[in-house]
Amino acid sequence: LITQGRAAQARSIEESRMLRHVLGARPSALALAAGALLLIVCSLARVAGQSLLDHVPIVAAILTLLVFLIPGVLTGVIAPRSFFWNGAILGVIAATFVTLQSIHFRLPNWSSVLLYEAVGVWVFIGVPSCIVGALGGRFVSGRR
């Protein structure tokens, strides 16, 4: 019984160290810049192919998800230690870019609640997707 308690305590200590390691890493400007550039390319390519995907919504949804995952993988490969923050920040950048892209980069009405709601919806899609992509990139890079 004492051994089980010590094992549980050791696991708890190890988990807190891992959490500090993940959350304590600083984001990489190089990884974010590379991820943002790839995000722009992927997003513009996705929009260019929109007319081909109108009749196959599941393929359109998968390609939309890949727009977020692929740049996340790149950030995870470039900076594997800071995958979490890079993925989260890239997800917010992606959400903002996709929202502005949907209004064709016209001057948005910054006082409109709909603009912030649209960014918020994309944040709920983009941030987890970019973090998962960055985590995948971390494992692809082979570094921990």
N, C-alpha and C. Protein backbone atom coordinates (compact mmCIF):
# COMPACT_ATOMS: atom_id res chain seq x y z
N LEU A 1 0.83 -1.20 0.00
CA LEU A 1 0.00 0.00 0.00
C LEU A 1 0.87 1.25 0.00
N ILE A 2 1.95 1.22 0.77
CA ILE A 2 2.86 2.36 0.82
C ILE A 2 3.57 2.51 -0.53
N THR A 3 3.91 1.40 -1.16
CA THR A 3 4.60 1.44 -2.45
C THR A 3 3.69 2.06 -3.52
N GLN A 4 2.40 1.75 -3.49
CA GLN A 4 1.47 2.33 -4.45
C GLN A 4 1.35 3.83 -4.24
N GLY A 5 1.34 4.26 -3.00
CA GLY A 5 1.27 5.69 -2.70
C GLY A 5 2.49 6.44 -3.19
N ARG A 6 3.66 5.82 -3.00
CA ARG A 6 4.90 6.45 -3.48
C ARG A 6 4.95 6.48 -4.99
N ALA A 7 4.46 5.44 -5.62
CA ALA A 7 4.43 5.40 -7.08
C ALA A 7 3.49 6.47 -7.62
N ALA A 8 2.35 6.65 -6.99
CA ALA A 8 1.41 7.69 -7.41
C ALA A 8 2.00 9.07 -7.20
N GLN A 9 2.70 9.26 -6.10
CA GLN A 9 3.34 10.54 -5.83
C GLN A 9 4.45 10.81 -6.85
N ALA A 10 5.21 9.81 -7.20
CA ALA A 10 6.28 9.96 -8.19
C ALA A 10 5.70 10.30 -9.56
N ARG A 11 4.58 9.66 -9.91
CA ARG A 11 3.91 9.98 -11.18
C ARG A 11 3.43 11.42 -11.18
N SER A 12 2.87 11.85 -10.08
CA SER A 12 2.37 13.22 -9.97
C SER A 12 3.50 14.24 -10.11
N ILE A 13 4.62 13.95 -9.49
CA ILE A 13 5.78 14.85 -9.61
C ILE A 13 6.29 14.88 -11.04
N GLU A 14 6.35 13.73 -11.69
CA GLU A 14 6.82 13.66 -13.07
C GLU A 14 5.86 14.40 -14.01
N GLU A 15 4.56 14.26 -13.78
CA GLU A 15 3.58 14.96 -14.60
C GLU A 15 3.69 16.47 -14.44
N SER A 16 3.93 16.93 -13.22
CA SER A 16 4.08 18.37 -13.02
C SER A 16 5.35 18.88 -13.68
N ARG A 17 6.43 18.09 -13.69
CA ARG A 17 7.66 18.48 -14.39
C ARG A 17 7.42 18.57 -15.89
N MET A 18 6.68 17.60 -16.43
CA MET A 18 6.38 17.62 -17.86
C MET A 18 5.54 18.83 -18.22
N LEU A 19 4.57 19.15 -17.40
CA LEU A 19 3.71 20.31 -17.65
C LEU A 19 4.52 21.60 -17.60
N ARG A 20 5.40 21.73 -16.64
CA ARG A 20 6.27 22.91 -16.56
C ARG A 20 7.17 23.00 -17.79
N HIS A 21 7.65 21.85 -18.26
CA HIS A 21 8.52 21.83 -19.43
C HIS A 21 7.76 22.30 -20.67
N VAL A 22 6.53 21.83 -20.84
CA VAL A 22 5.73 22.21 -22.01
C VAL A 22 5.31 23.67 -21.94
N LEU A 23 4.81 24.11 -20.80
CA LEU A 23 4.30 25.47 -20.68
C LEU A 23 5.40 26.50 -20.45
N GLY A 24 6.58 26.05 -20.02
CA GLY A 24 7.66 26.98 -19.73
C GLY A 24 8.51 27.34 -20.93
N ALA A 25 8.37 26.62 -22.04
CA ALA A 25 9.17 26.91 -23.23
C ALA A 25 8.66 28.18 -23.91
N ARG A 26 9.60 29.00 -24.35
CA ARG A 26 9.23 30.24 -25.03
C ARG A 26 8.96 29.98 -26.50
N PRO A 27 7.98 30.68 -27.09
CA PRO A 27 7.69 30.47 -28.51
C PRO A 27 8.86 30.93 -29.38
N SER A 28 8.96 30.34 -30.54
CA SER A 28 10.03 30.65 -31.49
C SER A 28 9.49 31.55 -32.59
N ALA A 29 10.12 32.72 -32.75
CA ALA A 29 9.69 33.67 -33.79
C ALA A 29 9.91 33.07 -35.18
N LEU A 30 11.01 32.34 -35.35
CA LEU A 30 11.30 31.72 -36.65
C LEU A 30 10.23 30.69 -37.01
N ALA A 31 9.88 29.84 -36.04
CA ALA A 31 8.87 28.82 -36.29
C ALA A 31 7.51 29.46 -36.59
N LEU A 32 7.17 30.51 -35.86
CA LEU A 32 5.89 31.18 -36.10
C LEU A 32 5.86 31.86 -37.46
N ALA A 33 6.97 32.49 -37.86
CA ALA A 33 7.02 33.15 -39.17
C ALA A 33 6.90 32.11 -40.29
N ALA A 34 7.63 31.00 -40.17
CA ALA A 34 7.55 29.95 -41.19
C ALA A 34 6.15 29.34 -41.23
N GLY A 35 5.57 29.10 -40.06
CA GLY A 35 4.22 28.55 -40.01
C GLY A 35 3.18 29.50 -40.59
N ALA A 36 3.33 30.79 -40.30
CA ALA A 36 2.38 31.77 -40.83
C ALA A 36 2.48 31.87 -42.35
N LEU A 37 3.70 31.84 -42.88
CA LEU A 37 3.86 31.88 -44.34
C LEU A 37 3.25 30.65 -44.99
N LEU A 38 3.49 29.48 -44.41
CA LEU A 38 2.90 28.26 -44.96
C LEU A 38 1.38 28.28 -44.81
N LEU A 39 0.89 28.83 -43.72
CA LEU A 39 -0.54 28.96 -43.52
C LEU A 39 -1.17 29.81 -44.62
N ILE A 40 -0.53 30.91 -44.95
CA ILE A 40 -1.05 31.79 -46.00
C ILE A 40 -1.10 31.05 -47.33
N VAL A 41 -0.04 30.33 -47.66
CA VAL A 41 0.00 29.57 -48.92
C VAL A 41 -1.09 28.50 -48.94
N CYS A 42 -1.21 27.75 -47.86
CA CYS A 42 -2.22 26.69 -47.79
C CYS A 42 -3.64 27.25 -47.86
N SER A 43 -3.86 28.35 -47.15
CA SER A 43 -5.20 28.94 -47.13
C SER A 43 -5.58 29.50 -48.50
N LEU A 44 -4.64 30.17 -49.16
CA LEU A 44 -4.92 30.70 -50.49
C LEU A 44 -5.14 29.57 -51.50
N ALA A 45 -4.38 28.49 -51.37
CA ALA A 45 -4.59 27.34 -52.26
C ALA A 45 -5.94 26.70 -52.00
N ARG A 46 -6.34 26.63 -50.74
CA ARG A 46 -7.66 26.08 -50.39
C ARG A 46 -8.78 26.91 -50.99
N VAL A 47 -8.65 28.23 -50.93
CA VAL A 47 -9.68 29.11 -51.50
C VAL A 47 -9.69 29.01 -53.02
N ALA A 48 -8.50 28.88 -53.62
CA ALA A 48 -8.43 28.77 -55.08
C ALA A 48 -9.13 27.50 -55.58
N GLY A 49 -9.10 26.45 -54.80
CA GLY A 49 -9.75 25.21 -55.18
C GLY A 49 -11.18 25.07 -54.68
N GLN A 50 -11.73 26.13 -54.13
CA GLN A 50 -13.07 26.07 -53.55
C GLN A 50 -14.13 25.64 -54.57
N SER A 51 -14.04 26.14 -55.78
CA SER A 51 -15.07 25.80 -56.77
C SER A 51 -15.07 24.31 -57.12
N LEU A 52 -13.92 23.67 -57.00
CA LEU A 52 -13.85 22.24 -57.27
C LEU A 52 -14.42 21.41 -56.12
N LEU A 53 -14.49 22.01 -54.94
CA LEU A 53 -14.90 21.27 -53.74
C LEU A 53 -16.34 21.52 -53.32
N ASP A 54 -17.05 22.35 -54.05
CA ASP A 54 -18.41 22.70 -53.64
C ASP A 54 -19.33 21.48 -53.58
N HIS A 55 -19.08 20.48 -54.41
CA HIS A 55 -19.98 19.33 -54.47
C HIS A 55 -19.54 18.19 -53.56
N VAL A 56 -18.39 18.33 -52.91
CA VAL A 56 -17.88 17.28 -52.03
C VAL A 56 -17.51 17.92 -50.70
N PRO A 57 -18.50 18.15 -49.83
CA PRO A 57 -18.23 18.88 -48.60
C PRO A 57 -17.26 18.19 -47.63
N ILE A 58 -17.21 16.87 -47.62
CA ILE A 58 -16.32 16.19 -46.69
C ILE A 58 -14.86 16.43 -47.08
N VAL A 59 -14.57 16.45 -48.38
CA VAL A 59 -13.21 16.74 -48.83
C VAL A 59 -12.86 18.19 -48.51
N ALA A 60 -13.82 19.09 -48.67
CA ALA A 60 -13.59 20.50 -48.33
C ALA A 60 -13.28 20.65 -46.84
N ALA A 61 -13.99 19.93 -46.01
CA ALA A 61 -13.75 20.00 -44.56
C ALA A 61 -12.38 19.44 -44.20
N ILE A 62 -11.99 18.35 -44.83
CA ILE A 62 -10.67 17.76 -44.56
C ILE A 62 -9.56 18.71 -45.01
N LEU A 63 -9.72 19.30 -46.18
CA LEU A 63 -8.70 20.24 -46.65
C LEU A 63 -8.63 21.49 -45.78
N THR A 64 -9.77 21.92 -45.26
CA THR A 64 -9.77 23.05 -44.34
C THR A 64 -9.00 22.70 -43.07
N LEU A 65 -9.19 21.51 -42.57
CA LEU A 65 -8.45 21.08 -41.39
C LEU A 65 -6.95 20.98 -41.68
N LEU A 66 -6.60 20.53 -42.87
CA LEU A 66 -5.18 20.45 -43.24
C LEU A 66 -4.53 21.83 -43.35
N VAL A 67 -5.33 22.85 -43.67
CA VAL A 67 -4.80 24.22 -43.71
C VAL A 67 -4.23 24.60 -42.35
N PHE A 68 -4.80 24.08 -41.27
CA PHE A 68 -4.32 24.37 -39.93
C PHE A 68 -3.26 23.37 -39.47
N LEU A 69 -3.42 22.11 -39.83
CA LEU A 69 -2.50 21.08 -39.35
C LEU A 69 -1.11 21.19 -39.97
N ILE A 70 -1.02 21.41 -41.27
CA ILE A 70 0.27 21.41 -41.96
C ILE A 70 1.20 22.52 -41.46
N PRO A 71 0.74 23.77 -41.32
CA PRO A 71 1.63 24.78 -40.74
C PRO A 71 2.00 24.47 -39.29
N GLY A 72 1.10 23.85 -38.56
CA GLY A 72 1.41 23.44 -37.20
C GLY A 72 2.53 22.42 -37.16
N VAL A 73 2.51 21.48 -38.10
CA VAL A 73 3.58 20.48 -38.18
C VAL A 73 4.92 21.18 -38.43
N LEU A 74 4.93 22.16 -39.32
CA LEU A 74 6.18 22.87 -39.60
C LEU A 74 6.72 23.57 -38.36
N THR A 75 5.85 24.21 -37.59
CA THR A 75 6.32 24.87 -36.37
C THR A 75 6.85 23.86 -35.36
N GLY A 76 6.23 22.68 -35.30
CA GLY A 76 6.71 21.65 -34.39
C GLY A 76 8.04 21.06 -34.81
N VAL A 77 8.28 20.99 -36.11
CA VAL A 77 9.57 20.50 -36.60
C VAL A 77 10.67 21.51 -36.33
N ILE A 78 10.38 22.79 -36.55
CA ILE A 78 11.39 23.83 -36.36
C ILE A 78 11.72 24.04 -34.88
N ALA A 79 10.71 24.08 -34.04
CA ALA A 79 10.92 24.33 -32.61
C ALA A 79 10.13 23.32 -31.79
N PRO A 80 10.64 22.09 -31.65
CA PRO A 80 9.87 21.04 -30.97
C PRO A 80 9.64 21.28 -29.49
N ARG A 81 10.53 22.01 -28.82
CA ARG A 81 10.35 22.21 -27.38
C ARG A 81 9.21 23.17 -27.06
N SER A 82 8.94 24.09 -27.97
CA SER A 82 7.88 25.07 -27.70
C SER A 82 6.67 24.82 -28.60
N PHE A 83 6.38 23.54 -28.86
CA PHE A 83 5.29 23.20 -29.77
C PHE A 83 3.95 23.74 -29.29
N PHE A 84 3.71 23.72 -27.98
CA PHE A 84 2.40 24.12 -27.47
C PHE A 84 2.13 25.60 -27.74
N TRP A 85 3.05 26.46 -27.33
CA TRP A 85 2.83 27.90 -27.52
C TRP A 85 2.88 28.28 -28.99
N ASN A 86 3.78 27.67 -29.74
CA ASN A 86 3.82 27.95 -31.18
C ASN A 86 2.50 27.57 -31.84
N GLY A 87 1.97 26.40 -31.49
CA GLY A 87 0.69 25.97 -32.06
C GLY A 87 -0.46 26.88 -31.66
N ALA A 88 -0.48 27.29 -30.39
CA ALA A 88 -1.56 28.16 -29.92
C ALA A 88 -1.51 29.53 -30.59
N ILE A 89 -0.31 30.11 -30.66
CA ILE A 89 -0.18 31.43 -31.29
C ILE A 89 -0.47 31.34 -32.78
N LEU A 90 0.02 30.29 -33.43
CA LEU A 90 -0.25 30.12 -34.85
C LEU A 90 -1.75 29.93 -35.10
N GLY A 91 -2.44 29.26 -34.19
CA GLY A 91 -3.89 29.08 -34.33
C GLY A 91 -4.63 30.40 -34.28
N VAL A 92 -4.20 31.31 -33.42
CA VAL A 92 -4.83 32.63 -33.35
C VAL A 92 -4.52 33.43 -34.61
N ILE A 93 -3.28 33.35 -35.08
CA ILE A 93 -2.91 34.02 -36.34
C ILE A 93 -3.75 33.46 -37.48
N ALA A 94 -3.90 32.15 -37.52
CA ALA A 94 -4.68 31.50 -38.56
C ALA A 94 -6.14 31.94 -38.51
N ALA A 95 -6.71 31.99 -37.33
CA ALA A 95 -8.11 32.40 -37.20
C ALA A 95 -8.31 33.82 -37.70
N THR A 96 -7.40 34.69 -37.35
CA THR A 96 -7.51 36.08 -37.81
C THR A 96 -7.35 36.15 -39.32
N PHE A 97 -6.37 35.45 -39.87
CA PHE A 97 -6.15 35.48 -41.32
C PHE A 97 -7.34 34.92 -42.07
N VAL A 98 -7.87 33.79 -41.64
CA VAL A 98 -9.00 33.16 -42.33
C VAL A 98 -10.23 34.07 -42.27
N THR A 99 -10.44 34.73 -41.13
CA THR A 99 -11.58 35.64 -41.02
C THR A 99 -11.42 36.82 -41.97
N LEU A 100 -10.23 37.43 -41.99
CA LEU A 100 -10.01 38.56 -42.89
C LEU A 100 -10.03 38.11 -44.35
N GLN A 101 -9.60 36.90 -44.62
CA GLN A 101 -9.64 36.38 -45.98
C GLN A 101 -11.08 36.20 -46.44
N SER A 102 -11.95 35.83 -45.54
CA SER A 102 -13.36 35.62 -45.91
C SER A 102 -14.06 36.91 -46.28
N ILE A 103 -13.56 38.05 -45.82
CA ILE A 103 -14.13 39.34 -46.22
C ILE A 103 -13.26 40.02 -47.27
N HIS A 104 -12.39 39.22 -47.90
CA HIS A 104 -11.52 39.66 -49.00
C HIS A 104 -10.59 40.80 -48.59
N PHE A 105 -10.16 40.80 -47.37
CA PHE A 105 -9.19 41.75 -46.83
C PHE A 105 -9.64 43.21 -46.96
N ARG A 106 -10.94 43.41 -47.04
CA ARG A 106 -11.45 44.78 -47.01
C ARG A 106 -11.31 45.31 -45.60
N LEU A 107 -11.42 46.60 -45.47
CA LEU A 107 -11.33 47.19 -44.14
C LEU A 107 -12.50 46.69 -43.30
N PRO A 108 -12.22 45.88 -42.29
CA PRO A 108 -13.31 45.33 -41.49
C PRO A 108 -13.90 46.37 -40.55
N ASN A 109 -15.11 46.14 -40.15
CA ASN A 109 -15.76 46.98 -39.16
C ASN A 109 -15.33 46.45 -37.79
N TRP A 110 -14.31 47.07 -37.21
CA TRP A 110 -13.73 46.58 -35.97
C TRP A 110 -14.69 46.69 -34.79
N SER A 111 -15.77 47.45 -34.93
CA SER A 111 -16.73 47.56 -33.84
C SER A 111 -17.85 46.52 -33.96
N SER A 112 -17.81 45.71 -35.00
CA SER A 112 -18.84 44.70 -35.22
C SER A 112 -18.60 43.47 -34.36
N VAL A 113 -19.64 43.06 -33.68
CA VAL A 113 -19.57 41.86 -32.86
C VAL A 113 -19.41 40.62 -33.75
N LEU A 114 -19.99 40.65 -34.95
CA LEU A 114 -19.90 39.50 -35.84
C LEU A 114 -18.46 39.18 -36.23
N LEU A 115 -17.64 40.22 -36.38
CA LEU A 115 -16.23 40.00 -36.71
C LEU A 115 -15.54 39.21 -35.60
N TYR A 116 -15.77 39.60 -34.37
CA TYR A 116 -15.13 38.92 -33.25
C TYR A 116 -15.71 37.53 -33.03
N GLU A 117 -16.98 37.36 -33.34
CA GLU A 117 -17.57 36.02 -33.24
C GLU A 117 -16.97 35.09 -34.29
N ALA A 118 -16.74 35.61 -35.49
CA ALA A 118 -16.13 34.80 -36.55
C ALA A 118 -14.70 34.42 -36.18
N VAL A 119 -13.94 35.37 -35.66
CA VAL A 119 -12.58 35.06 -35.21
C VAL A 119 -12.64 34.02 -34.09
N GLY A 120 -13.58 34.16 -33.18
CA GLY A 120 -13.71 33.21 -32.08
C GLY A 120 -14.03 31.81 -32.55
N VAL A 121 -14.91 31.69 -33.54
CA VAL A 121 -15.22 30.36 -34.08
C VAL A 121 -13.99 29.74 -34.70
N TRP A 122 -13.26 30.53 -35.47
CA TRP A 122 -12.04 30.00 -36.10
C TRP A 122 -10.96 29.69 -35.07
N VAL A 123 -10.93 30.43 -33.98
CA VAL A 123 -9.96 30.13 -32.92
C VAL A 123 -10.24 28.75 -32.33
N PHE A 124 -11.51 28.41 -32.14
CA PHE A 124 -11.85 27.10 -31.59
C PHE A 124 -11.50 25.96 -32.54
N ILE A 125 -11.38 26.27 -33.82
CA ILE A 125 -10.95 25.27 -34.79
C ILE A 125 -9.44 25.32 -34.98
N GLY A 126 -8.91 26.53 -35.11
CA GLY A 126 -7.50 26.70 -35.46
C GLY A 126 -6.52 26.38 -34.36
N VAL A 127 -6.79 26.81 -33.15
CA VAL A 127 -5.82 26.60 -32.06
C VAL A 127 -5.62 25.12 -31.76
N PRO A 128 -6.67 24.34 -31.54
CA PRO A 128 -6.41 22.90 -31.29
C PRO A 128 -5.77 22.21 -32.48
N SER A 129 -6.18 22.58 -33.70
CA SER A 129 -5.61 21.95 -34.88
C SER A 129 -4.13 22.27 -35.03
N CYS A 130 -3.76 23.51 -34.81
CA CYS A 130 -2.35 23.89 -34.91
C CYS A 130 -1.52 23.26 -33.79
N ILE A 131 -2.09 23.15 -32.59
CA ILE A 131 -1.36 22.50 -31.50
C ILE A 131 -1.15 21.02 -31.81
N VAL A 132 -2.16 20.36 -32.31
CA VAL A 132 -2.02 18.94 -32.68
C VAL A 132 -0.99 18.79 -33.80
N GLY A 133 -1.04 19.70 -34.79
CA GLY A 133 -0.04 19.66 -35.85
C GLY A 133 1.37 19.87 -35.32
N ALA A 134 1.52 20.83 -34.41
CA ALA A 134 2.84 21.10 -33.83
C ALA A 134 3.33 19.92 -32.99
N LEU A 135 2.42 19.27 -32.29
CA LEU A 135 2.79 18.07 -31.53
C LEU A 135 3.26 16.97 -32.48
N GLY A 136 2.54 16.82 -33.60
CA GLY A 136 2.98 15.85 -34.61
C GLY A 136 4.34 16.21 -35.18
N GLY A 137 4.56 17.50 -35.42
CA GLY A 137 5.86 17.94 -35.92
C GLY A 137 6.97 17.69 -34.92
N ARG A 138 6.65 17.81 -33.66
CA ARG A 138 7.64 17.53 -32.61
C ARG A 138 8.08 16.07 -32.67
N PHE A 139 7.13 15.17 -32.85
CA PHE A 139 7.48 13.76 -32.93
C PHE A 139 8.15 13.41 -34.25
N VAL A 140 7.79 14.11 -35.32
CA VAL A 140 8.44 13.90 -36.61
C VAL A 140 9.91 14.30 -36.51
N SER A 141 10.19 15.37 -35.80
CA SER A 141 11.57 15.84 -35.69
C SER A 141 12.43 14.91 -34.87
N GLY A 142 11.82 14.05 -34.06
CA GLY A 142 12.57 13.07 -33.28
C GLY A 142 13.21 13.62 -32.04
N ARG A 143 12.92 14.87 -31.70
CA ARG A 143 13.50 15.49 -30.50
C ARG A 143 12.41 15.62 -29.45
N ARG A 144 12.79 15.51 -28.19
CA ARG A 144 11.81 15.68 -27.12
C ARG A 144 12.26 16.73 -26.17
